[in-house]
Amino acid sequence: MKDNKLQYFLLFNFAMICISTSGVLGSNLTLFPPLSIWFRCLFAAILLGIYCKFQGLNFQLIKGKSTRTVFINGVLMTLHWVAYFFALTYTNVAISMLAVFTYPMMTTLMEPLFFKLQLQSRSILLSFLILIGVFFLLPSFDMANSDTKGLVFGILSGFFYALRNILSKGEIDSYNGSILMFYQCVIAVLILIPVFFFTQPSFDIVVEELPYLIGLGLITTAIGHTMFLNSFGHFNISTASIMSSLQPVYGIILAIIFLSEIPSWRSVLGGAIIMICVMMESLASLKTKSIA
């Protein structure tokens, strides 16, 4: 039993490493971010479609509210990915990923607006501390500064992700995780097609950056996200969410190794504050659910 738990823990961390490659791979792209996401999702949709077909999973969507939720899910995930890639074009991996990981606290603050939940004073205090962490990530209040732009896009990416998680709550439990990821990628491919009318990507650049695009589709999306969703069968969602806080840590380590991006002391301090607050809120939420 202990060996199985260790195996699942190692597989979960491997999934986190795969997802964390988005920072390193995305930083190597010069394509317009929506185009990068289009190619990423195209490759991911093909790979996930083959995987789901091979596994004999049901592709049929339930008509009605859940179908609309799946579509909205896909739109919000597309906005989340595009905003994140814009962040990577303006700043480094550390600031981009840490800014995105303000989303758990955004989720906590926004949930009472959608559900009959009472906002805890603890959450308000931790949100204030996260703002302090963001302050340390912020090099200046000048929007002409590229790091500031990257931070804003990273936070915007986290907002779309938080909203997506809230709106999908309880509506799509009947779908397999890999099927959901497949449809999200398909929706992203469809709604980003108009980008080609405004931006004509250079064929040479696409060929040159193809390995990174395929890597994003295969390693980050198809393998990483599929393994993460499948981990819910071995860990409860709250525990998995807490452990997923390792993503920025792995992302920063990969950036140090492959991009030689050494985070500043401000990024380290701000990131530590944000990660500690996220962990505290996640643990508190887990205890609350256990008592309930």
Protein backbone atom coordinates (compact mmCIF):
# COMPACT_ATOMS: atom_id res chain seq x y z
CA MET A 1 0.00 0.00 0.00
CA LYS A 2 2.82 2.39 0.94
CA ASP A 3 4.60 1.57 -2.33
CA ASN A 4 1.43 2.44 -4.26
CA LYS A 5 1.09 5.75 -2.43
CA LEU A 6 4.71 6.57 -3.20
CA GLN A 7 4.16 5.62 -6.84
CA TYR A 8 1.11 7.86 -7.15
CA PHE A 9 2.95 10.70 -5.40
CA LEU A 10 5.88 10.40 -7.82
CA LEU A 11 3.53 10.24 -10.83
CA PHE A 12 1.71 13.33 -9.56
CA ASN A 13 4.97 15.24 -9.27
CA PHE A 14 5.95 14.09 -12.76
CA ALA A 15 2.64 15.54 -13.99
CA MET A 16 3.45 18.83 -12.22
CA ILE A 17 6.88 18.94 -13.90
CA CYS A 18 5.26 18.31 -17.30
CA ILE A 19 2.75 21.14 -16.78
CA SER A 20 5.54 23.41 -15.51
CA THR A 21 7.37 23.09 -18.84
CA SER A 22 4.90 25.64 -20.23
CA GLY A 23 7.11 28.45 -18.93
CA VAL A 24 10.35 27.27 -20.52
CA LEU A 25 8.74 26.17 -23.79
CA GLY A 26 6.54 29.29 -24.04
CA SER A 27 9.48 31.62 -23.40
CA ASN A 28 11.21 30.26 -26.52
CA LEU A 29 8.34 31.30 -28.79
CA THR A 30 8.32 34.51 -30.82
CA LEU A 31 4.92 33.89 -32.43
CA PHE A 32 2.00 36.15 -31.48
CA PRO A 33 0.66 34.49 -28.25
CA PRO A 34 -2.83 33.63 -29.63
CA LEU A 35 -1.12 31.88 -32.57
CA SER A 36 1.15 29.96 -30.21
CA ILE A 37 -1.92 28.81 -28.25
CA TRP A 38 -3.68 27.84 -31.50
CA PHE A 39 -0.84 25.55 -32.57
CA ARG A 40 -0.40 24.21 -29.04
CA CYS A 41 -4.09 23.32 -28.77
CA LEU A 42 -4.19 21.87 -32.29
CA PHE A 43 -1.42 19.38 -31.48
CA ALA A 44 -2.90 18.69 -28.04
CA ALA A 45 -6.39 18.07 -29.49
CA ILE A 46 -5.01 15.58 -32.02
CA LEU A 47 -2.99 13.72 -29.37
CA LEU A 48 -5.81 13.74 -26.83
CA GLY A 49 -8.33 12.65 -29.46
CA ILE A 50 -6.17 9.64 -30.33
CA TYR A 51 -5.67 8.84 -26.63
CA CYS A 52 -9.39 9.07 -25.81
CA LYS A 53 -10.31 6.97 -28.85
CA PHE A 54 -7.73 4.35 -27.88
CA GLN A 55 -9.10 4.28 -24.32
CA GLY A 56 -12.65 3.87 -25.62
CA LEU A 57 -13.90 7.02 -23.88
CA ASN A 58 -17.28 8.51 -24.72
CA PHE A 59 -17.02 11.77 -26.72
CA GLN A 60 -20.76 12.55 -26.55
CA LEU A 61 -21.76 15.68 -24.66
CA ILE A 62 -24.90 15.92 -22.58
CA LYS A 63 -27.28 18.43 -24.15
CA GLY A 64 -28.35 21.40 -22.09
CA LYS A 65 -26.62 23.35 -19.36
CA SER A 66 -23.56 21.09 -19.11
CA THR A 67 -22.83 21.54 -22.83
CA ARG A 68 -22.90 25.33 -22.40
CA THR A 69 -20.64 24.95 -19.37
CA VAL A 70 -18.13 22.91 -21.40
CA PHE A 71 -18.11 25.63 -24.07
CA ILE A 72 -17.68 28.46 -21.53
CA ASN A 73 -14.97 26.35 -19.91
CA GLY A 74 -13.13 26.19 -23.21
CA VAL A 75 -13.41 29.94 -23.82
CA LEU A 76 -12.11 30.81 -20.35
CA MET A 77 -9.26 28.30 -20.61
CA THR A 78 -8.30 29.85 -23.95
CA LEU A 79 -8.23 33.32 -22.39
CA HIS A 80 -6.22 31.90 -19.48
CA TRP A 81 -3.60 30.38 -21.81
CA VAL A 82 -3.38 33.43 -24.09
CA ALA A 83 -2.97 35.86 -21.16
CA TYR A 84 -0.29 33.60 -19.66
CA PHE A 85 1.67 33.52 -22.92
CA PHE A 86 1.43 37.30 -23.17
CA ALA A 87 2.92 37.42 -19.66
CA LEU A 88 5.83 35.23 -20.82
CA THR A 89 6.54 37.61 -23.71
CA TYR A 90 6.90 40.55 -21.31
CA THR A 91 8.61 39.06 -18.27
CA ASN A 92 10.38 35.98 -16.95
CA VAL A 93 8.98 32.59 -15.97
CA ALA A 94 9.12 33.28 -12.21
CA ILE A 95 6.96 36.43 -12.29
CA SER A 96 4.56 34.95 -14.87
CA MET A 97 3.89 31.70 -12.99
CA LEU A 98 3.71 33.29 -9.54
CA ALA A 99 1.25 35.90 -10.84
CA VAL A 100 -0.98 33.15 -12.26
CA PHE A 101 -0.92 31.35 -8.92
CA THR A 102 -2.86 34.14 -7.27
CA TYR A 103 -5.90 32.29 -8.73
CA PRO A 104 -6.68 30.14 -5.64
CA MET A 105 -7.23 33.28 -3.57
CA MET A 106 -9.27 34.88 -6.38
CA THR A 107 -11.43 31.75 -6.37
CA THR A 108 -11.99 32.05 -2.63
CA LEU A 109 -12.96 35.71 -2.91
CA MET A 110 -15.27 35.25 -5.94
CA GLU A 111 -17.11 32.10 -4.82
CA PRO A 112 -19.50 33.96 -2.46
CA LEU A 113 -20.67 35.99 -5.48
CA PHE A 114 -21.85 32.81 -7.23
CA PHE A 115 -22.77 30.49 -4.37
CA LYS A 116 -24.31 30.86 -0.92
CA LEU A 117 -20.99 30.93 0.88
CA GLN A 118 -19.81 33.23 3.63
CA LEU A 119 -16.52 35.01 3.07
CA GLN A 120 -14.13 34.15 5.90
CA SER A 121 -12.10 36.84 7.64
CA ARG A 122 -9.11 34.51 7.26
CA SER A 123 -9.46 34.67 3.47
CA ILE A 124 -9.57 38.48 3.53
CA LEU A 125 -6.39 38.60 5.62
CA LEU A 126 -4.57 36.11 3.35
CA SER A 127 -5.71 38.07 0.28
CA PHE A 128 -4.17 41.20 1.77
CA LEU A 129 -0.91 39.29 2.37
CA ILE A 130 -0.97 38.07 -1.26
CA LEU A 131 -1.26 41.69 -2.37
CA ILE A 132 1.94 42.33 -0.41
CA GLY A 133 3.53 39.39 -2.23
CA VAL A 134 2.42 40.84 -5.58
CA PHE A 135 3.90 44.19 -4.51
CA PHE A 136 7.31 42.53 -4.18
CA LEU A 137 6.91 40.98 -7.64
CA LEU A 138 6.06 44.40 -9.06
CA PRO A 139 9.24 46.25 -10.11
CA SER A 140 7.38 49.56 -10.54
CA PHE A 141 3.90 51.00 -11.07
CA ASP A 142 4.87 52.09 -14.57
CA MET A 143 2.91 50.20 -17.24
CA ALA A 144 5.72 50.99 -19.68
CA ASN A 145 7.85 48.52 -17.70
CA SER A 146 7.77 45.09 -19.37
CA ASP A 147 7.85 43.20 -16.04
CA THR A 148 4.82 45.18 -14.86
CA LYS A 149 2.95 44.28 -18.06
CA GLY A 150 3.89 40.64 -17.58
CA LEU A 151 2.64 40.69 -13.99
CA VAL A 152 -0.69 42.22 -15.05
CA PHE A 153 -1.20 39.60 -17.79
CA GLY A 154 -0.24 36.85 -15.32
CA ILE A 155 -2.83 38.02 -12.80
CA LEU A 156 -5.41 38.33 -15.61
CA SER A 157 -4.58 34.75 -16.61
CA GLY A 158 -5.18 33.64 -13.02
CA PHE A 159 -8.51 35.48 -12.98
CA PHE A 160 -9.78 33.65 -16.08
CA TYR A 161 -8.65 30.32 -14.59
CA ALA A 162 -10.39 31.04 -11.27
CA LEU A 163 -13.60 32.05 -13.06
CA ARG A 164 -13.45 28.92 -15.18
CA ASN A 165 -13.13 26.72 -12.07
CA ILE A 166 -16.06 28.45 -10.35
CA LEU A 167 -18.43 28.30 -13.34
CA SER A 168 -17.66 24.63 -14.00
CA LYS A 169 -18.20 23.61 -10.36
CA GLY A 170 -20.65 20.71 -10.11
CA GLU A 171 -21.70 20.92 -13.77
CA ILE A 172 -19.17 18.68 -15.51
CA ASP A 173 -18.47 15.92 -12.98
CA SER A 174 -20.02 13.38 -15.34
CA TYR A 175 -17.29 13.86 -17.98
CA ASN A 176 -13.90 12.19 -18.12
CA GLY A 177 -11.03 14.64 -17.51
CA SER A 178 -9.25 13.76 -20.75
CA ILE A 179 -12.45 14.31 -22.74
CA LEU A 180 -12.88 17.74 -21.13
CA MET A 181 -9.30 18.70 -21.96
CA PHE A 182 -9.86 17.49 -25.55
CA TYR A 183 -12.94 19.69 -25.96
CA GLN A 184 -11.21 22.67 -24.37
CA CYS A 185 -8.41 22.38 -26.91
CA VAL A 186 -10.88 21.99 -29.80
CA ILE A 187 -12.81 25.07 -28.66
CA ALA A 188 -9.54 27.04 -28.39
CA VAL A 189 -8.60 26.05 -31.94
CA LEU A 190 -12.00 27.13 -33.28
CA ILE A 191 -12.33 30.49 -31.52
CA LEU A 192 -8.73 31.51 -32.31
CA ILE A 193 -9.05 30.95 -36.08
CA PRO A 194 -9.96 34.66 -36.69
CA VAL A 195 -6.48 35.59 -35.43
CA PHE A 196 -5.08 34.37 -38.76
CA PHE A 197 -7.02 37.13 -40.55
CA PHE A 198 -5.12 39.78 -38.58
CA THR A 199 -1.71 38.12 -38.21
CA GLN A 200 0.04 36.14 -40.90
CA PRO A 201 2.67 33.92 -39.23
CA SER A 202 5.92 33.37 -41.08
CA PHE A 203 6.20 29.79 -42.31
CA ASP A 204 9.91 29.73 -41.44
CA ILE A 205 9.22 30.85 -37.87
CA VAL A 206 6.48 28.23 -37.43
CA VAL A 207 8.86 25.49 -38.66
CA GLU A 208 11.66 26.80 -36.45
CA GLU A 209 9.45 26.86 -33.35
CA LEU A 210 7.59 23.64 -34.17
CA PRO A 211 9.48 21.55 -31.56
CA TYR A 212 8.39 23.94 -28.79
CA LEU A 213 4.78 23.98 -30.05
CA ILE A 214 4.64 20.19 -30.24
CA GLY A 215 6.26 20.01 -26.80
CA LEU A 216 3.55 22.27 -25.38
CA GLY A 217 0.85 20.14 -27.00
CA LEU A 218 2.37 16.79 -26.00
CA ILE A 219 4.26 17.28 -22.72
CA THR A 220 2.47 20.23 -21.11
CA THR A 221 -1.13 19.68 -22.21
CA ALA A 222 -1.70 16.06 -23.30
CA ILE A 223 0.57 14.27 -20.81
CA GLY A 224 0.74 16.78 -17.95
CA HIS A 225 -2.91 17.77 -17.70
CA THR A 226 -4.17 14.23 -18.37
CA MET A 227 -2.00 12.80 -15.59
CA PHE A 228 -3.06 15.63 -13.27
CA LEU A 229 -6.77 14.98 -13.90
CA ASN A 230 -6.27 11.23 -13.51
CA SER A 231 -4.56 11.81 -10.15
CA PHE A 232 -7.96 12.74 -8.70
CA GLY A 233 -8.62 9.00 -8.59
CA HIS A 234 -5.81 8.58 -6.04
CA PHE A 235 -5.94 11.92 -4.20
CA ASN A 236 -8.94 14.01 -3.27
CA ILE A 237 -9.26 17.25 -5.25
CA SER A 238 -8.34 19.45 -2.27
CA THR A 239 -5.10 17.54 -1.65
CA ALA A 240 -4.25 17.61 -5.36
CA SER A 241 -4.91 21.35 -5.48
CA ILE A 242 -2.57 21.94 -2.54
CA MET A 243 0.18 19.83 -4.09
CA SER A 244 -0.27 21.62 -7.42
CA SER A 245 1.29 24.66 -5.74
CA LEU A 246 4.57 22.97 -6.65
CA GLN A 247 4.07 24.09 -10.27
CA PRO A 248 5.71 27.53 -9.94
CA VAL A 249 8.58 25.96 -7.98
CA TYR A 250 9.24 23.40 -10.72
CA GLY A 251 8.74 26.06 -13.40
CA ILE A 252 11.32 28.38 -11.81
CA ILE A 253 13.81 25.51 -11.41
CA LEU A 254 13.39 24.56 -15.08
CA ALA A 255 13.87 28.22 -16.07
CA ILE A 256 17.10 28.36 -14.04
CA ILE A 257 18.39 25.19 -15.74
CA PHE A 258 17.35 25.83 -19.35
CA LEU A 259 17.02 29.62 -19.59
CA SER A 260 19.53 30.73 -16.93
CA GLU A 261 16.77 32.91 -15.43
CA ILE A 262 17.81 33.58 -11.84
CA PRO A 263 14.88 35.18 -9.95
CA SER A 264 15.62 38.37 -8.02
CA TRP A 265 15.35 38.50 -4.23
CA ARG A 266 12.10 40.45 -4.64
CA SER A 267 10.64 37.65 -6.78
CA VAL A 268 11.75 35.02 -4.27
CA LEU A 269 10.27 36.95 -1.32
CA GLY A 270 7.03 37.84 -3.13
CA GLY A 271 6.68 34.30 -4.44
CA ALA A 272 7.25 32.82 -0.99
CA ILE A 273 4.52 35.04 0.50
CA ILE A 274 2.07 34.09 -2.26
CA MET A 275 2.81 30.34 -2.03
CA ILE A 276 2.55 30.28 1.79
CA CYS A 277 -0.82 32.08 1.66
CA VAL A 278 -2.10 29.71 -1.03
CA MET A 279 -1.02 26.69 1.05
CA MET A 280 -2.62 28.10 4.22
CA GLU A 281 -5.93 28.82 2.46
CA SER A 282 -5.96 25.39 0.80
CA LEU A 283 -5.25 23.59 4.09
CA ALA A 284 -7.92 25.63 5.89
CA SER A 285 -10.46 24.83 3.14
CA LEU A 286 -9.55 21.14 3.38
CA LYS A 287 -10.17 21.15 7.16
CA THR A 288 -13.50 22.95 6.69
CA LYS A 289 -14.67 20.34 4.17
CA SER A 290 -13.56 17.52 6.48
CA ILE A 291 -15.60 19.00 9.37
CA ALA A 292 -18.62 19.47 7.11
